Amino acid sequence: MTKNMGLTDRRVRAFLVAPALLVVAGVAGFGSVGGVVATVLAGVMLGTAAVGTCPVYAPFGLDTRGRSETSD
């Protein structure tokens, strides 16, 4: 898989979106349906941020890497 996420995209997912989803899961209750969905989404956000590839971007041809990051 080729990387299609830039550094800013990865940081936003890892440091803003995933923690916010975990807060939502905590408020909803980790055992509730909403809590489980939020926890799974947080895991997906952390996973895609760690790998640098978002499978949803591929079919649409999206790439958030800047010009200096395209040498991967």
N, C-alpha and C. Protein backbone atom coordinates (compact mmCIF):
# COMPACT_ATOMS: atom_id res chain seq x y z
N MET A 1 0.83 -1.19 0.00
CA MET A 1 0.00 0.00 0.00
C MET A 1 0.87 1.25 0.00
N THR A 2 0.54 2.18 -0.83
CA THR A 2 1.28 3.42 -0.87
C THR A 2 0.69 4.40 0.14
N LYS A 3 1.55 5.19 0.71
CA LYS A 3 1.10 6.19 1.68
C LYS A 3 0.34 7.29 0.96
N ASN A 4 -0.78 7.70 1.57
CA ASN A 4 -1.58 8.76 0.97
C ASN A 4 -2.04 9.79 2.00
N MET A 5 -1.38 9.78 3.16
CA MET A 5 -1.73 10.73 4.21
C MET A 5 -0.52 11.58 4.58
N GLY A 6 -0.73 12.87 4.64
CA GLY A 6 0.33 13.79 5.02
C GLY A 6 0.50 13.84 6.53
N LEU A 7 1.56 14.49 6.95
CA LEU A 7 1.88 14.58 8.37
C LEU A 7 0.79 15.28 9.16
N THR A 8 0.23 16.35 8.63
CA THR A 8 -0.84 17.07 9.34
C THR A 8 -2.07 16.19 9.48
N ASP A 9 -2.44 15.49 8.44
CA ASP A 9 -3.59 14.58 8.47
C ASP A 9 -3.38 13.51 9.54
N ARG A 10 -2.18 12.95 9.58
CA ARG A 10 -1.88 11.91 10.56
C ARG A 10 -1.93 12.45 11.99
N ARG A 11 -1.39 13.63 12.19
CA ARG A 11 -1.40 14.22 13.54
C ARG A 11 -2.81 14.56 14.00
N VAL A 12 -3.63 15.08 13.11
CA VAL A 12 -5.01 15.41 13.48
C VAL A 12 -5.76 14.15 13.89
N ARG A 13 -5.58 13.08 13.14
CA ARG A 13 -6.25 11.82 13.48
C ARG A 13 -5.76 11.28 14.83
N ALA A 14 -4.45 11.30 15.04
CA ALA A 14 -3.88 10.70 16.25
C ALA A 14 -4.08 11.53 17.50
N PHE A 15 -4.00 12.86 17.38
CA PHE A 15 -4.00 13.70 18.57
C PHE A 15 -5.29 14.48 18.81
N LEU A 16 -6.18 14.51 17.84
CA LEU A 16 -7.46 15.21 18.02
C LEU A 16 -8.66 14.28 17.87
N VAL A 17 -8.75 13.60 16.73
CA VAL A 17 -9.95 12.82 16.44
C VAL A 17 -10.04 11.58 17.33
N ALA A 18 -8.98 10.79 17.42
CA ALA A 18 -9.03 9.56 18.22
C ALA A 18 -9.30 9.84 19.70
N PRO A 19 -8.61 10.80 20.34
CA PRO A 19 -8.94 11.09 21.74
C PRO A 19 -10.38 11.60 21.92
N ALA A 20 -10.85 12.41 20.97
CA ALA A 20 -12.23 12.89 21.07
C ALA A 20 -13.22 11.73 20.99
N LEU A 21 -12.95 10.77 20.12
CA LEU A 21 -13.82 9.60 20.01
C LEU A 21 -13.78 8.76 21.28
N LEU A 22 -12.63 8.68 21.91
CA LEU A 22 -12.54 7.93 23.17
C LEU A 22 -13.31 8.63 24.29
N VAL A 23 -13.32 9.95 24.28
CA VAL A 23 -14.13 10.70 25.26
C VAL A 23 -15.60 10.42 25.00
N VAL A 24 -16.00 10.44 23.74
CA VAL A 24 -17.39 10.14 23.39
C VAL A 24 -17.74 8.72 23.86
N ALA A 25 -16.84 7.79 23.65
CA ALA A 25 -17.08 6.40 24.07
C ALA A 25 -17.22 6.31 25.59
N GLY A 26 -16.40 7.07 26.29
CA GLY A 26 -16.49 7.06 27.75
C GLY A 26 -17.79 7.65 28.25
N VAL A 27 -18.23 8.71 27.62
CA VAL A 27 -19.49 9.34 28.02
C VAL A 27 -20.67 8.43 27.68
N ALA A 28 -20.63 7.80 26.52
CA ALA A 28 -21.71 6.92 26.09
C ALA A 28 -21.70 5.61 26.86
N GLY A 29 -20.56 5.25 27.38
CA GLY A 29 -20.41 3.96 28.07
C GLY A 29 -19.75 2.99 27.12
N PHE A 30 -18.62 2.46 27.50
CA PHE A 30 -17.86 1.59 26.61
C PHE A 30 -18.62 0.32 26.24
N GLY A 31 -19.57 -0.08 27.05
CA GLY A 31 -20.34 -1.28 26.76
C GLY A 31 -21.55 -1.04 25.88
N SER A 32 -21.91 0.22 25.68
CA SER A 32 -23.07 0.53 24.84
C SER A 32 -22.69 0.46 23.37
N VAL A 33 -23.68 0.42 22.52
CA VAL A 33 -23.42 0.36 21.07
C VAL A 33 -22.65 1.59 20.62
N GLY A 34 -23.08 2.77 21.06
CA GLY A 34 -22.38 4.00 20.68
C GLY A 34 -20.94 4.01 21.18
N GLY A 35 -20.73 3.51 22.38
CA GLY A 35 -19.38 3.45 22.93
C GLY A 35 -18.48 2.51 22.17
N VAL A 36 -19.02 1.37 21.78
CA VAL A 36 -18.23 0.41 21.01
C VAL A 36 -17.89 0.97 19.63
N VAL A 37 -18.87 1.59 18.99
CA VAL A 37 -18.63 2.18 17.66
C VAL A 37 -17.58 3.27 17.76
N ALA A 38 -17.67 4.13 18.75
CA ALA A 38 -16.68 5.21 18.92
C ALA A 38 -15.30 4.65 19.21
N THR A 39 -15.22 3.60 20.01
CA THR A 39 -13.93 2.98 20.32
C THR A 39 -13.31 2.36 19.08
N VAL A 40 -14.12 1.68 18.28
CA VAL A 40 -13.61 1.07 17.04
C VAL A 40 -13.13 2.16 16.08
N LEU A 41 -13.91 3.23 15.95
CA LEU A 41 -13.49 4.33 15.07
C LEU A 41 -12.20 4.98 15.56
N ALA A 42 -12.04 5.11 16.87
CA ALA A 42 -10.80 5.65 17.41
C ALA A 42 -9.62 4.75 17.05
N GLY A 43 -9.83 3.44 17.13
CA GLY A 43 -8.79 2.49 16.75
C GLY A 43 -8.43 2.59 15.28
N VAL A 44 -9.43 2.76 14.45
CA VAL A 44 -9.19 2.91 13.00
C VAL A 44 -8.40 4.20 12.74
N MET A 45 -8.77 5.27 13.41
CA MET A 45 -8.06 6.54 13.23
C MET A 45 -6.59 6.40 13.66
N LEU A 46 -6.35 5.74 14.79
CA LEU A 46 -4.98 5.54 15.25
C LEU A 46 -4.21 4.63 14.30
N GLY A 47 -4.86 3.59 13.81
CA GLY A 47 -4.20 2.67 12.89
C GLY A 47 -3.82 3.32 11.58
N THR A 48 -4.74 4.06 11.00
CA THR A 48 -4.43 4.72 9.73
C THR A 48 -3.37 5.81 9.92
N ALA A 49 -3.39 6.48 11.07
CA ALA A 49 -2.37 7.49 11.34
C ALA A 49 -1.00 6.84 11.48
N ALA A 50 -0.94 5.69 12.11
CA ALA A 50 0.34 5.00 12.31
C ALA A 50 0.90 4.47 10.99
N VAL A 51 0.04 3.96 10.14
CA VAL A 51 0.49 3.36 8.87
C VAL A 51 0.71 4.43 7.80
N GLY A 52 -0.08 5.49 7.84
CA GLY A 52 0.05 6.56 6.85
C GLY A 52 -0.76 6.33 5.60
N THR A 53 -1.68 5.36 5.65
CA THR A 53 -2.52 5.04 4.51
C THR A 53 -3.97 5.00 4.94
N CYS A 54 -4.81 5.69 4.19
CA CYS A 54 -6.25 5.67 4.45
C CYS A 54 -6.92 4.95 3.28
N PRO A 55 -7.49 3.76 3.52
CA PRO A 55 -8.12 3.02 2.43
C PRO A 55 -9.29 3.76 1.79
N VAL A 56 -9.96 4.63 2.52
CA VAL A 56 -11.08 5.38 1.96
C VAL A 56 -10.60 6.41 0.94
N TYR A 57 -9.38 6.91 1.10
CA TYR A 57 -8.85 7.90 0.17
C TYR A 57 -8.56 7.28 -1.21
N ALA A 58 -8.17 6.01 -1.26
CA ALA A 58 -7.72 5.37 -2.50
C ALA A 58 -8.74 5.42 -3.64
N PRO A 59 -10.00 5.01 -3.43
CA PRO A 59 -10.95 5.03 -4.55
C PRO A 59 -11.20 6.42 -5.11
N PHE A 60 -11.01 7.43 -4.28
CA PHE A 60 -11.27 8.81 -4.71
C PHE A 60 -10.00 9.50 -5.21
N GLY A 61 -8.87 8.82 -5.14
CA GLY A 61 -7.62 9.39 -5.60
C GLY A 61 -7.10 10.51 -4.72
N LEU A 62 -7.50 10.53 -3.46
CA LEU A 62 -7.06 11.58 -2.55
C LEU A 62 -5.67 11.30 -2.01
N ASP A 63 -4.91 12.35 -1.83
CA ASP A 63 -3.56 12.25 -1.27
C ASP A 63 -3.29 13.56 -0.53
N THR A 64 -3.10 13.49 0.78
CA THR A 64 -2.90 14.71 1.56
C THR A 64 -1.43 14.99 1.83
N ARG A 65 -0.55 14.23 1.20
CA ARG A 65 0.88 14.50 1.38
C ARG A 65 1.28 15.75 0.61
N GLY A 66 2.18 16.49 1.17
CA GLY A 66 2.70 17.67 0.48
C GLY A 66 3.76 17.27 -0.51
N ARG A 67 4.25 18.19 -1.26
CA ARG A 67 5.28 17.90 -2.27
C ARG A 67 6.54 17.33 -1.65
N SER A 68 6.91 17.78 -0.45
CA SER A 68 8.15 17.30 0.18
C SER A 68 8.00 15.90 0.74
N GLU A 69 6.77 15.39 0.86
CA GLU A 69 6.55 14.07 1.44
C GLU A 69 6.31 12.99 0.39
N THR A 70 6.34 13.31 -0.88
CA THR A 70 5.96 12.36 -1.93
C THR A 70 7.06 11.38 -2.30
N SER A 71 8.20 11.41 -1.66
CA SER A 71 9.29 10.51 -2.02
C SER A 71 9.23 9.18 -1.31
N ASP A 72 8.10 8.82 -0.69
CA ASP A 72 7.98 7.54 0.04
C ASP A 72 8.01 6.38 -0.90
